N, C-alpha and C. Protein backbone atom coordinates (compact mmCIF):
# COMPACT_ATOMS: atom_id res chain seq x y z
N UNK A 1 212.24 145.18 132.10
CA UNK A 1 211.46 146.70 132.17
C UNK A 1 211.69 147.37 133.18
N UNK A 2 212.20 148.80 133.38
CA UNK A 2 212.47 149.80 134.08
C UNK A 2 211.26 150.77 134.61
N UNK A 3 211.38 151.07 135.46
CA UNK A 3 210.35 152.04 135.50
C UNK A 3 209.70 152.50 135.31
N UNK A 4 210.33 153.39 134.31
CA UNK A 4 209.84 154.30 133.00
C UNK A 4 209.22 153.87 131.86
N UNK A 5 209.36 152.52 131.86
CA UNK A 5 208.68 151.35 130.60
C UNK A 5 207.91 150.83 131.41
N UNK A 6 207.42 150.47 132.43
CA UNK A 6 205.78 149.71 132.97
C UNK A 6 205.19 151.04 133.05
N UNK A 7 204.03 150.49 132.34
CA UNK A 7 202.75 151.22 132.06
C UNK A 7 202.12 151.79 133.29
N UNK A 8 201.94 150.95 134.75
CA UNK A 8 201.56 151.10 135.76
C UNK A 8 202.21 152.05 136.69
N UNK A 9 203.66 152.06 136.27
CA UNK A 9 204.60 152.92 137.74
C UNK A 9 204.20 154.48 136.59
N UNK A 10 204.62 154.32 135.16
CA UNK A 10 204.10 155.81 134.12
C UNK A 10 202.62 156.33 135.12
N UNK A 11 201.57 155.72 134.81
CA UNK A 11 200.87 156.35 135.36
C UNK A 11 201.07 156.86 136.98
N UNK A 12 201.71 156.17 137.95
CA UNK A 12 201.40 156.52 139.45
C UNK A 12 203.01 158.09 139.22
N UNK A 13 203.25 157.68 138.27
CA UNK A 13 204.65 158.90 137.78
C UNK A 13 204.35 159.95 138.70
N UNK A 14 203.01 160.89 138.28
CA UNK A 14 203.07 162.32 139.84
C UNK A 14 202.55 162.17 140.82
N UNK A 15 202.80 161.35 141.14
CA UNK A 15 202.11 161.24 142.74
C UNK A 15 203.72 160.86 143.54
N UNK A 16 204.67 160.67 142.60
CA UNK A 16 205.88 159.77 143.52
C UNK A 16 206.55 161.34 143.96
N UNK A 17 207.31 162.14 142.97
CA UNK A 17 207.95 163.29 142.68
C UNK A 17 208.10 163.78 144.15
N UNK A 18 206.78 164.63 144.68
CA UNK A 18 206.16 165.65 145.51
C UNK A 18 206.44 164.81 146.73
N UNK A 19 206.51 163.16 146.86
CA UNK A 19 206.54 162.75 147.75
C UNK A 19 207.68 162.24 148.92
N UNK A 20 208.34 162.08 147.57
CA UNK A 20 210.08 161.44 147.40
C UNK A 20 211.27 162.05 147.72
N UNK A 21 210.97 163.84 147.02
CA UNK A 21 211.76 165.07 147.10
C UNK A 21 211.66 166.25 147.91
N UNK A 22 212.02 166.50 148.87
CA UNK A 22 211.71 167.55 149.67
C UNK A 22 211.54 169.00 148.85
N UNK A 23 210.56 169.50 148.89
CA UNK A 23 210.31 171.25 148.05
C UNK A 23 210.76 170.81 146.84
N UNK A 24 209.76 169.64 146.17
CA UNK A 24 209.82 169.21 144.58
C UNK A 24 209.25 170.60 143.66
N UNK A 25 208.37 171.17 144.68
CA UNK A 25 207.64 171.99 143.87
C UNK A 25 208.78 173.33 143.76
N UNK A 26 208.96 173.60 145.33
CA UNK A 26 209.85 174.63 144.83
C UNK A 26 210.71 174.74 144.09
N UNK A 27 211.72 173.32 144.18
CA UNK A 27 212.84 173.04 143.01
C UNK A 27 212.38 173.44 141.54
N UNK A 28 211.04 173.22 141.52
CA UNK A 28 210.54 173.67 139.92
C UNK A 28 210.81 175.20 140.16
N UNK A 29 209.90 175.83 140.52
CA UNK A 29 210.14 177.00 140.90
C UNK A 29 211.38 177.97 140.64
N UNK A 30 212.33 177.04 141.62
CA UNK A 30 213.51 178.27 141.42
C UNK A 30 215.02 177.83 140.71
N UNK A 31 214.23 176.72 140.09
CA UNK A 31 214.97 176.48 138.28
C UNK A 31 214.66 177.12 137.20
N UNK A 32 213.00 177.98 137.44
CA UNK A 32 212.93 178.59 136.43
C UNK A 32 213.15 179.53 136.57
N UNK A 33 213.45 180.31 137.84
CA UNK A 33 213.85 181.31 138.48
C UNK A 33 215.54 181.83 137.92
N UNK A 34 215.57 180.60 138.22
CA UNK A 34 217.13 180.38 137.48
C UNK A 34 217.83 180.81 136.15
N UNK A 35 217.14 179.89 135.23
CA UNK A 35 216.79 179.83 133.90
C UNK A 35 216.53 181.50 133.52
N UNK A 36 215.46 182.14 133.96
CA UNK A 36 215.02 183.27 134.31
C UNK A 36 216.01 184.06 134.02
N UNK A 37 217.19 184.15 135.01
CA UNK A 37 217.86 185.17 135.05
C UNK A 37 218.87 185.91 133.91
N UNK A 38 218.43 184.74 133.01
CA UNK A 38 219.51 185.06 131.64
C UNK A 38 219.05 184.48 130.26
N UNK A 39 218.16 183.96 130.54
CA UNK A 39 217.22 183.94 129.16
C UNK A 39 216.29 184.81 128.98
N UNK A 40 216.19 185.05 127.83
CA UNK A 40 215.02 186.29 127.61
C UNK A 40 213.29 185.77 127.41
N UNK A 41 212.64 186.94 127.54
CA UNK A 41 211.03 186.30 127.92
C UNK A 41 210.69 185.74 126.73
N UNK A 42 211.02 185.78 125.77
CA UNK A 42 210.83 184.91 124.31
C UNK A 42 211.88 183.78 124.34
N UNK A 43 212.33 183.64 125.43
CA UNK A 43 213.95 182.24 125.49
C UNK A 43 213.43 180.84 124.68
N UNK A 44 214.29 180.03 124.30
CA UNK A 44 214.01 178.39 124.07
C UNK A 44 214.64 177.85 125.04
N UNK A 45 213.75 176.76 125.53
CA UNK A 45 214.35 176.16 126.79
C UNK A 45 214.48 175.13 125.92
N UNK A 46 215.57 174.14 126.80
CA UNK A 46 216.11 172.61 126.43
C UNK A 46 215.50 171.71 127.94
N UNK A 47 214.76 171.05 127.57
CA UNK A 47 214.43 170.23 129.14
C UNK A 47 214.74 168.60 128.60
N UNK A 48 215.91 168.33 129.37
CA UNK A 48 216.59 166.45 129.38
C UNK A 48 215.71 166.05 130.27
N UNK A 49 215.11 164.86 129.90
CA UNK A 49 214.54 164.36 130.94
C UNK A 49 213.53 165.03 131.28
N UNK A 50 212.54 165.14 129.79
CA UNK A 50 211.24 165.36 130.10
C UNK A 50 209.95 164.81 130.55
N UNK A 51 210.39 163.80 130.31
CA UNK A 51 209.23 162.55 130.57
C UNK A 51 208.41 162.87 131.82
N UNK A 52 207.18 162.88 131.64
CA UNK A 52 206.07 162.94 132.83
C UNK A 52 205.38 164.46 132.15
N UNK A 53 206.55 165.25 132.27
CA UNK A 53 205.76 166.65 131.52
C UNK A 53 205.84 167.73 132.95
N UNK A 54 206.14 166.92 133.75
CA UNK A 54 206.00 167.93 135.53
C UNK A 54 206.39 169.42 135.19
N UNK A 55 208.13 169.39 134.98
CA UNK A 55 208.95 170.71 135.17
C UNK A 55 208.08 171.64 134.18
N UNK A 56 208.24 170.86 132.73
CA UNK A 56 207.99 171.37 131.96
C UNK A 56 205.96 172.28 131.67
N UNK A 57 205.28 171.60 132.35
CA UNK A 57 204.03 172.23 133.11
C UNK A 57 204.00 173.32 133.73
N UNK A 58 204.92 173.30 134.56
CA UNK A 58 205.60 174.65 135.66
C UNK A 58 206.20 175.60 135.19
N UNK A 59 207.27 175.07 133.99
CA UNK A 59 208.31 176.21 133.49
C UNK A 59 206.71 176.90 132.41
N UNK A 60 205.98 176.15 131.47
CA UNK A 60 205.57 177.05 130.27
C UNK A 60 204.30 177.58 131.55
N UNK A 61 203.57 177.79 132.20
CA UNK A 61 202.19 177.87 132.83
C UNK A 61 202.83 179.76 133.17
N UNK A 62 204.36 179.22 134.11
CA UNK A 62 204.80 180.67 134.48
C UNK A 62 205.59 181.88 133.76
N UNK A 63 206.15 180.88 132.44
CA UNK A 63 206.54 181.53 131.13
C UNK A 63 205.62 181.30 130.34
N UNK A 64 204.69 182.52 130.26
CA UNK A 64 203.72 182.43 129.12
C UNK A 64 204.40 182.13 127.39
N UNK A 65 205.81 183.26 127.33
CA UNK A 65 206.78 183.51 125.84
C UNK A 65 207.45 182.27 125.69
N UNK A 66 207.69 181.39 126.57
CA UNK A 66 208.88 180.31 126.27
C UNK A 66 208.71 179.38 125.72
N UNK A 67 209.32 179.19 125.00
CA UNK A 67 209.02 177.87 123.57
C UNK A 67 210.49 176.55 124.36
N UNK A 68 209.41 175.57 124.36
CA UNK A 68 210.85 174.30 125.04
C UNK A 68 210.83 173.36 123.90
N UNK A 69 212.33 172.49 124.47
CA UNK A 69 212.20 171.22 123.65
C UNK A 69 212.26 170.25 124.69
N UNK A 70 212.06 169.11 124.47
CA UNK A 70 212.27 168.16 125.16
C UNK A 70 212.68 166.74 125.19
N UNK A 71 213.44 166.50 126.07
CA UNK A 71 213.95 165.28 125.26
C UNK A 71 213.99 164.05 126.30
N UNK A 72 213.30 162.70 126.21
CA UNK A 72 213.43 161.91 127.25
C UNK A 72 213.48 160.69 126.18
N UNK A 73 214.30 159.38 126.76
CA UNK A 73 214.41 157.50 126.55
C UNK A 73 213.04 157.09 126.52
N UNK A 74 212.32 157.35 127.78
CA UNK A 74 210.99 156.74 127.25
C UNK A 74 209.57 157.11 126.44
N UNK A 75 209.68 156.27 125.64
CA UNK A 75 208.04 156.56 125.09
C UNK A 75 206.65 156.85 126.02
N UNK A 76 206.70 155.69 127.00
CA UNK A 76 205.39 156.05 127.40
C UNK A 76 205.63 157.43 128.59
N UNK A 77 206.91 157.54 129.03
CA UNK A 77 207.00 159.12 129.63
C UNK A 77 206.70 160.63 129.06
N UNK A 78 206.93 160.24 127.39
CA UNK A 78 206.75 161.08 126.68
C UNK A 78 204.99 161.12 126.25
N UNK A 79 204.54 160.27 126.41
CA UNK A 79 202.96 160.27 126.06
C UNK A 79 202.54 160.93 127.62
N UNK A 80 202.98 160.43 128.45
CA UNK A 80 201.95 161.21 129.47
C UNK A 80 202.43 162.52 129.77
N UNK A 81 203.95 162.84 129.59
CA UNK A 81 203.99 164.59 129.42
C UNK A 81 202.97 165.01 128.27
N UNK A 82 202.55 164.39 126.99
CA UNK A 82 201.69 165.04 126.32
C UNK A 82 200.38 165.43 127.15
N UNK A 83 199.65 164.40 127.79
CA UNK A 83 198.44 164.17 128.40
C UNK A 83 198.85 165.35 129.39
N UNK A 84 200.53 165.21 130.22
CA UNK A 84 199.98 166.97 131.00
C UNK A 84 199.75 167.70 130.51
N UNK A 85 200.82 168.14 130.23
CA UNK A 85 200.49 169.46 129.03
C UNK A 85 199.76 169.97 128.22
N UNK A 86 199.04 169.29 127.69
CA UNK A 86 197.56 169.26 127.07
C UNK A 86 197.52 170.10 126.04
N UNK A 87 196.91 171.61 125.79
CA UNK A 87 197.46 172.91 125.80
C UNK A 87 198.44 172.87 125.36
N UNK A 88 198.89 173.40 126.23
CA UNK A 88 200.42 173.71 126.64
C UNK A 88 201.32 173.36 125.65
N UNK A 89 200.85 172.47 124.98
CA UNK A 89 201.80 171.07 124.32
C UNK A 89 202.00 172.29 122.63
N UNK A 90 201.43 173.28 122.49
CA UNK A 90 201.29 174.08 121.36
C UNK A 90 202.90 175.05 121.19
N UNK A 91 203.80 174.85 122.65
CA UNK A 91 204.90 175.89 123.01
C UNK A 91 206.02 174.37 122.94
N UNK A 92 205.57 173.30 122.91
CA UNK A 92 206.26 172.18 123.82
C UNK A 92 207.15 171.09 122.02
N UNK A 93 207.98 170.66 122.06
CA UNK A 93 208.74 170.23 120.98
C UNK A 93 208.87 168.72 121.81
N UNK A 94 208.92 167.42 121.80
CA UNK A 94 209.10 166.39 122.16
C UNK A 94 209.54 165.54 121.19
N UNK A 95 210.92 164.94 121.79
CA UNK A 95 212.07 164.01 121.38
C UNK A 95 212.16 162.85 121.68
N UNK A 96 211.93 161.69 121.25
CA UNK A 96 212.07 160.25 122.19
C UNK A 96 213.90 160.04 121.80
N UNK A 97 214.39 159.51 122.69
CA UNK A 97 215.92 159.65 123.14
C UNK A 97 216.77 160.15 123.82
N UNK A 98 218.14 160.45 124.02
CA UNK A 98 219.15 160.55 124.43
C UNK A 98 219.14 162.24 124.22
N UNK A 99 220.32 162.53 125.10
CA UNK A 99 220.50 164.50 124.63
C UNK A 99 221.12 164.38 123.01
N UNK A 100 221.44 163.62 122.37
CA UNK A 100 222.49 163.40 120.97
C UNK A 100 221.10 163.76 120.18
N UNK A 101 219.63 163.07 120.70
CA UNK A 101 218.78 163.23 119.51
C UNK A 101 218.33 164.38 119.74
N UNK A 102 218.35 165.28 120.81
CA UNK A 102 217.56 166.74 120.49
C UNK A 102 218.65 167.36 119.49
N UNK A 103 217.56 168.83 118.92
CA UNK A 103 218.29 169.90 118.33
C UNK A 103 219.15 170.25 118.22
N UNK A 104 220.03 171.07 117.75
CA UNK A 104 221.35 171.56 118.52
C UNK A 104 220.89 173.15 118.62
N UNK A 105 219.63 173.43 118.65
CA UNK A 105 219.58 174.84 119.25
C UNK A 105 220.07 175.76 118.19
N UNK A 106 220.71 177.07 118.62
CA UNK A 106 221.32 176.78 120.29
C UNK A 106 220.00 177.51 120.80
N UNK A 107 220.30 177.11 122.08
CA UNK A 107 219.04 177.34 123.20
C UNK A 107 219.40 178.33 123.90
N UNK A 108 218.57 178.70 125.11
CA UNK A 108 219.00 180.19 125.90
C UNK A 108 219.04 179.68 127.17
N UNK A 109 218.85 178.30 127.19
CA UNK A 109 218.73 177.71 128.66
C UNK A 109 218.63 176.23 128.77
N UNK A 110 219.03 175.30 129.70
CA UNK A 110 218.68 173.81 129.38
C UNK A 110 218.36 173.85 131.00
N UNK A 111 217.26 173.05 131.44
CA UNK A 111 217.39 172.40 132.88
C UNK A 111 217.47 170.77 132.14
N UNK A 112 218.07 169.71 133.99
CA UNK A 112 217.96 168.77 134.21
C UNK A 112 217.83 168.32 135.56
N UNK A 113 216.39 167.86 135.57
CA UNK A 113 216.06 167.68 137.00
C UNK A 113 215.88 166.21 136.89
N UNK A 114 216.25 165.43 138.09
CA UNK A 114 215.78 164.17 138.58
C UNK A 114 216.33 163.05 137.70
N UNK A 115 217.22 163.67 137.02
CA UNK A 115 217.49 162.81 135.55
C UNK A 115 218.80 162.04 135.58
N UNK A 116 219.78 162.82 136.02
CA UNK A 116 221.66 162.92 135.36
C UNK A 116 221.82 161.45 136.77
N UNK A 117 221.30 161.48 137.80
CA UNK A 117 221.31 160.42 138.39
C UNK A 117 221.04 159.27 137.65
N UNK A 118 220.49 158.79 136.84
CA UNK A 118 219.90 157.74 136.30
C UNK A 118 221.25 157.35 134.80
N UNK A 119 221.91 158.68 134.78
CA UNK A 119 223.24 158.04 133.45
C UNK A 119 224.49 157.37 134.30
N UNK A 120 224.82 156.56 133.38
CA UNK A 120 226.29 156.02 133.55
C UNK A 120 227.32 156.08 134.00
N UNK A 121 227.70 156.48 134.81
CA UNK A 121 229.08 157.57 134.97
C UNK A 121 229.89 157.48 133.85
N UNK A 122 230.24 156.91 133.06
CA UNK A 122 231.03 156.82 132.30
C UNK A 122 230.41 157.20 130.34
N UNK A 123 229.27 157.85 131.09
CA UNK A 123 228.33 158.87 130.09
C UNK A 123 227.86 159.46 130.63
N UNK A 124 228.44 159.96 131.69
CA UNK A 124 228.02 161.28 132.43
C UNK A 124 228.59 162.79 131.99
N UNK A 125 230.01 162.70 131.62
CA UNK A 125 230.95 163.79 130.99
C UNK A 125 230.44 163.98 129.54
N UNK A 126 229.85 163.16 129.11
CA UNK A 126 229.69 163.50 127.48
C UNK A 126 228.33 163.51 127.48
N UNK A 127 227.83 163.66 127.97
CA UNK A 127 225.96 163.71 128.31
C UNK A 127 226.04 165.38 128.73
N UNK A 128 226.65 165.92 129.90
CA UNK A 128 227.20 167.03 129.89
C UNK A 128 227.61 168.10 128.56
N UNK A 129 228.54 167.49 128.20
CA UNK A 129 229.09 168.71 127.04
C UNK A 129 228.41 168.52 126.03
N UNK A 130 227.38 167.43 125.53
CA UNK A 130 226.36 167.47 124.68
C UNK A 130 225.24 168.71 124.62
N UNK A 131 225.10 168.62 126.17
CA UNK A 131 224.37 170.07 126.55
C UNK A 131 224.53 170.95 126.68
N UNK A 132 226.04 171.57 127.08
CA UNK A 132 226.42 172.45 126.71
C UNK A 132 226.62 172.75 125.57
N UNK A 133 227.08 171.91 124.06
CA UNK A 133 227.20 172.13 123.03
C UNK A 133 225.79 172.55 122.31
N UNK A 134 224.84 172.39 123.11
CA UNK A 134 223.26 173.50 122.07
C UNK A 134 223.27 174.44 122.96
N UNK A 135 223.98 175.03 123.79
CA UNK A 135 223.34 175.67 124.95
C UNK A 135 224.21 177.25 123.61
N UNK A 136 223.80 178.50 123.91
CA UNK A 136 224.09 180.02 123.86
C UNK A 136 225.19 180.25 124.59
N UNK A 137 226.34 180.65 124.33
CA UNK A 137 227.39 181.48 125.62
C UNK A 137 226.63 181.85 126.17
N UNK A 138 226.91 181.52 127.51
CA UNK A 138 226.18 181.69 128.73
C UNK A 138 225.26 181.53 129.07
N UNK A 139 224.40 180.56 128.33
CA UNK A 139 223.70 180.31 128.49
C UNK A 139 223.55 179.35 130.05
N UNK A 140 222.45 179.59 130.65
CA UNK A 140 221.93 178.72 132.04
C UNK A 140 222.18 177.28 131.72
N UNK A 141 222.64 176.50 133.05
CA UNK A 141 221.96 174.65 132.98
C UNK A 141 221.77 174.70 134.64
N UNK A 142 220.56 174.16 134.75
CA UNK A 142 219.91 173.96 136.05
C UNK A 142 220.15 172.18 136.05
N UNK A 143 220.83 171.61 137.26
CA UNK A 143 220.57 170.39 137.21
C UNK A 143 220.21 169.84 139.13
N UNK A 144 219.54 168.94 139.32
CA UNK A 144 219.54 168.46 140.51
C UNK A 144 219.39 166.71 140.22
N UNK A 145 219.36 165.96 141.35
CA UNK A 145 219.78 164.71 141.21
C UNK A 145 220.25 164.60 142.72
N UNK A 146 220.04 163.06 143.05
CA UNK A 146 220.63 162.58 144.15
C UNK A 146 222.43 163.05 143.77
N UNK A 147 222.94 163.07 145.52
CA UNK A 147 224.50 163.56 145.44
C UNK A 147 224.68 162.90 146.76
N UNK A 148 225.15 162.02 146.80
CA UNK A 148 225.71 161.81 147.61
C UNK A 148 227.19 162.15 148.44
N UNK A 149 227.76 162.17 150.20
CA UNK A 149 229.08 162.18 149.86
C UNK A 149 229.73 160.96 150.32
N UNK A 150 231.01 160.79 149.71
CA UNK A 150 231.71 159.15 149.56
C UNK A 150 231.35 158.77 151.05
N UNK A 151 231.90 157.33 151.16
CA UNK A 151 232.42 157.02 152.50
C UNK A 151 231.42 156.67 153.51
N UNK A 152 231.36 156.36 155.07
CA UNK A 152 230.15 155.78 155.73
C UNK A 152 229.26 156.47 155.62
N UNK A 153 228.92 158.00 155.47
CA UNK A 153 227.89 158.92 156.05
C UNK A 153 227.38 158.53 154.49
N UNK A 154 227.29 157.93 153.98
CA UNK A 154 226.27 157.69 152.86
C UNK A 154 225.35 157.07 152.90
N UNK A 155 225.46 155.72 153.75
CA UNK A 155 224.30 155.18 154.02
C UNK A 155 223.11 155.84 155.45
N UNK A 156 224.33 156.83 155.62
CA UNK A 156 223.26 157.53 156.70
C UNK A 156 222.12 158.14 156.12
N UNK A 157 222.99 159.32 154.84
CA UNK A 157 221.96 159.87 154.17
C UNK A 157 220.73 159.49 153.52
N UNK A 158 220.73 158.19 152.93
CA UNK A 158 220.26 157.17 152.29
C UNK A 158 219.15 156.82 153.19
N UNK A 159 219.36 156.36 154.98
CA UNK A 159 218.34 155.96 155.63
C UNK A 159 217.40 157.33 155.76
N UNK A 160 218.16 158.68 155.69
CA UNK A 160 217.65 159.87 156.21
C UNK A 160 216.34 159.72 154.93
N UNK A 161 216.89 159.64 153.41
CA UNK A 161 215.94 159.95 152.65
C UNK A 161 214.85 158.59 152.38
N UNK A 162 215.06 157.47 153.04
CA UNK A 162 214.03 156.84 152.78
C UNK A 162 212.86 157.25 154.25
N UNK A 163 213.54 157.88 155.19
CA UNK A 163 212.41 157.89 156.34
C UNK A 163 211.27 159.39 155.95
N UNK A 164 212.15 160.05 155.56
CA UNK A 164 211.36 160.98 154.47
C UNK A 164 210.19 160.64 153.25
N UNK A 165 210.47 159.85 152.91
CA UNK A 165 209.55 159.13 151.64
C UNK A 165 208.68 158.26 152.38
N UNK A 166 209.17 157.74 154.01
CA UNK A 166 208.03 156.82 154.74
C UNK A 166 207.04 157.85 155.45
N UNK A 167 208.00 159.11 155.58
CA UNK A 167 206.85 160.05 156.19
C UNK A 167 205.33 160.52 154.89
N UNK A 168 205.68 160.48 153.96
CA UNK A 168 204.55 160.77 153.06
C UNK A 168 203.97 159.75 152.71
N UNK A 169 204.22 158.26 153.26
CA UNK A 169 203.53 157.41 152.69
C UNK A 169 204.48 156.33 151.71
N UNK A 170 205.07 156.70 151.50
CA UNK A 170 206.56 156.07 150.35
C UNK A 170 207.25 155.25 151.02
N UNK A 171 207.03 153.30 151.09
CA UNK A 171 207.84 152.61 151.38
C UNK A 171 208.49 151.93 150.73
N UNK A 172 210.11 151.82 151.10
CA UNK A 172 211.24 150.96 150.01
C UNK A 172 210.47 149.88 150.47
N UNK A 173 211.38 148.91 150.04
CA UNK A 173 211.09 146.96 149.64
C UNK A 173 212.08 146.98 150.86
N UNK A 174 212.34 146.74 152.04
CA UNK A 174 213.19 146.42 152.68
C UNK A 174 214.04 145.14 152.79
N UNK A 175 213.04 143.44 152.17
CA UNK A 175 213.73 142.89 151.54
C UNK A 175 214.96 142.64 150.47
N UNK A 176 214.53 143.83 149.68
CA UNK A 176 215.42 144.57 148.67
C UNK A 176 216.87 145.12 148.95
N UNK A 177 216.57 145.36 150.15
CA UNK A 177 217.94 146.72 150.65
C UNK A 177 217.13 147.79 150.95
N UNK A 178 215.94 147.96 150.56
CA UNK A 178 215.75 149.83 150.67
C UNK A 178 215.99 150.44 149.92
N UNK A 179 216.11 151.77 150.61
CA UNK A 179 217.17 153.22 150.02
C UNK A 179 218.38 152.60 149.65
N UNK A 180 219.17 151.72 150.66
CA UNK A 180 220.31 151.75 150.53
C UNK A 180 220.84 150.94 149.56
N UNK A 181 220.18 149.81 149.05
CA UNK A 181 219.97 149.14 147.12
C UNK A 181 219.69 150.28 146.47
N UNK A 182 218.86 151.36 146.66
CA UNK A 182 218.75 152.16 145.63
C UNK A 182 219.94 152.82 145.72
N UNK A 183 220.62 153.19 146.36
CA UNK A 183 221.74 154.17 146.65
C UNK A 183 222.87 153.06 145.71
N UNK A 184 222.96 151.47 146.06
CA UNK A 184 224.08 151.20 145.30
C UNK A 184 223.71 150.79 143.75
N UNK A 185 222.74 150.52 143.36
CA UNK A 185 221.91 150.90 142.06
C UNK A 185 222.29 151.85 141.07
N UNK A 186 222.19 152.75 141.56
CA UNK A 186 222.13 153.99 141.07
C UNK A 186 223.84 154.52 140.97
N UNK A 187 224.48 155.33 139.95
CA UNK A 187 225.57 155.80 139.76
C UNK A 187 225.17 157.36 140.56
N UNK A 188 225.51 157.11 141.66
CA UNK A 188 225.30 158.62 142.07
C UNK A 188 226.84 159.63 142.75
N UNK A 189 227.21 160.50 142.26
CA UNK A 189 228.36 161.33 142.29
C UNK A 189 228.52 161.66 143.87
N UNK A 190 229.47 162.11 144.82
CA UNK A 190 229.72 162.70 145.78
C UNK A 190 229.10 164.65 144.70
N UNK A 191 228.84 165.53 145.74
CA UNK A 191 228.99 166.73 145.57
C UNK A 191 230.13 167.03 144.47
N UNK A 192 231.27 166.90 145.33
CA UNK A 192 232.69 167.57 144.59
C UNK A 192 232.42 166.57 143.37
N UNK A 193 232.45 165.40 142.78
CA UNK A 193 232.50 165.00 141.96
C UNK A 193 231.60 165.45 140.54
N UNK A 194 230.49 166.07 141.04
CA UNK A 194 229.59 166.61 140.46
C UNK A 194 230.10 167.93 140.34
N UNK A 195 230.65 168.50 140.70
CA UNK A 195 231.20 170.30 140.05
C UNK A 195 231.77 170.18 139.30
N UNK A 196 232.93 168.87 139.49
CA UNK A 196 234.51 168.74 138.56
C UNK A 196 233.83 168.65 137.00
N UNK A 197 232.70 167.62 136.96
CA UNK A 197 231.88 167.04 135.97
C UNK A 197 231.65 168.39 135.06
N UNK A 198 230.64 169.32 135.82
CA UNK A 198 230.25 170.54 135.09
C UNK A 198 231.30 171.45 134.88
N UNK A 199 232.68 171.23 135.13
CA UNK A 199 233.62 172.30 134.78
C UNK A 199 234.39 171.12 133.48
N UNK A 200 234.78 170.34 133.70
CA UNK A 200 235.63 170.06 132.53
C UNK A 200 234.68 169.08 131.61
N UNK A 201 233.22 169.70 131.40
CA UNK A 201 232.41 169.73 130.24
C UNK A 201 232.26 170.95 129.91
N UNK A 202 232.91 171.67 130.45
CA UNK A 202 233.18 173.03 129.82
C UNK A 202 232.18 174.21 130.54
N UNK A 203 231.36 174.08 131.52
CA UNK A 203 230.33 174.88 132.20
C UNK A 203 230.93 175.89 132.83
N UNK A 204 231.26 177.53 133.67
CA UNK A 204 231.68 177.76 134.41
C UNK A 204 230.92 178.31 135.38
N UNK A 205 231.17 178.74 136.49
CA UNK A 205 230.84 178.98 138.08
C UNK A 205 229.36 178.48 138.40
N UNK A 206 229.88 176.93 138.84
CA UNK A 206 228.99 176.42 139.11
C UNK A 206 228.33 176.69 140.70
N UNK A 207 227.53 176.90 140.78
CA UNK A 207 226.72 177.35 142.20
C UNK A 207 226.01 176.51 142.65
N UNK A 208 226.08 175.85 144.21
CA UNK A 208 225.22 175.31 144.59
C UNK A 208 223.83 175.95 144.87
N UNK A 209 222.39 175.92 144.58
CA UNK A 209 221.10 176.33 144.80
C UNK A 209 220.21 175.33 145.81
N UNK A 210 220.77 174.16 145.87
CA UNK A 210 219.47 173.57 146.60
C UNK A 210 220.14 172.15 147.22
N UNK A 211 219.67 172.18 148.58
CA UNK A 211 220.37 170.76 149.04
C UNK A 211 219.09 170.25 149.67
N UNK A 212 219.01 169.35 149.41
CA UNK A 212 217.99 168.60 150.72
C UNK A 212 217.77 167.25 150.79
N UNK A 213 218.35 166.96 152.15
CA UNK A 213 219.11 165.69 152.53
C UNK A 213 219.72 164.69 151.00
N UNK A 214 219.34 163.54 150.47
CA UNK A 214 220.12 163.12 148.86
C UNK A 214 220.23 164.09 148.36
N UNK A 215 219.32 165.08 148.23
CA UNK A 215 219.95 166.00 147.06
C UNK A 215 220.26 167.12 146.63
N UNK A 216 220.72 167.43 145.65
CA UNK A 216 221.37 168.31 145.44
C UNK A 216 221.52 168.97 144.02
N UNK A 217 221.29 170.45 144.06
CA UNK A 217 220.95 171.15 142.60
C UNK A 217 222.37 172.12 142.41
N UNK A 218 222.83 172.45 141.19
CA UNK A 218 224.12 173.28 140.66
C UNK A 218 223.17 174.50 139.78
N UNK A 219 223.31 175.80 139.34
CA UNK A 219 223.05 175.98 138.47
C UNK A 219 224.65 176.61 138.12
N UNK A 220 224.86 176.49 136.59
CA UNK A 220 226.15 176.74 136.08
C UNK A 220 225.79 177.51 134.54
N UNK A 221 227.07 178.42 133.87
CA UNK A 221 226.47 178.77 132.60
C UNK A 221 227.35 178.15 131.29
N UNK A 222 227.08 178.28 129.95
CA UNK A 222 227.82 177.50 129.22
C UNK A 222 229.15 178.37 128.83
């Protein structure tokens, strides 16, 4: 059972991102603004990794005429998203599964926040291609997740991530290797590899807009 299938972990989910991700709420706001640069006022937005509903709620509250399609592989997290969204669900369509279960759209924009670092490396490119296939030409994709330099600096940055978390009341289990073990378990790519994958998937002009300890975020266009 992973954390997104554990009912207790799901119940606590909303507490953790603001304590683990520097500028978490600002990341949501920046993502929404970057999508709005090209998406129309009545746009249709695809949210990949929509479980929990936190960014869906932030987007829906700020853009009252946008409609959304969200996809997530965890039923429990989708249930949490429905509870989080409440009456905003009338503008949201949720799908259980991975990107290939999402409608083909085409969509006016897409986001994928704090999700791609869970996708195995051998599936990352295919996932990005499937997202692009669902976007209108020129539509934006905004992504953000763990991305670390290769080499000896990797552990230093993971230690800094752990220090930030500890400063916000979240401690990693040192007996299990702490944040460094998390870095070994997740398929985390370097920033250079992330840009290469976006280009290989057919996106253009990837631009870094967010950098916070171990996290990076890019906006690119289909």
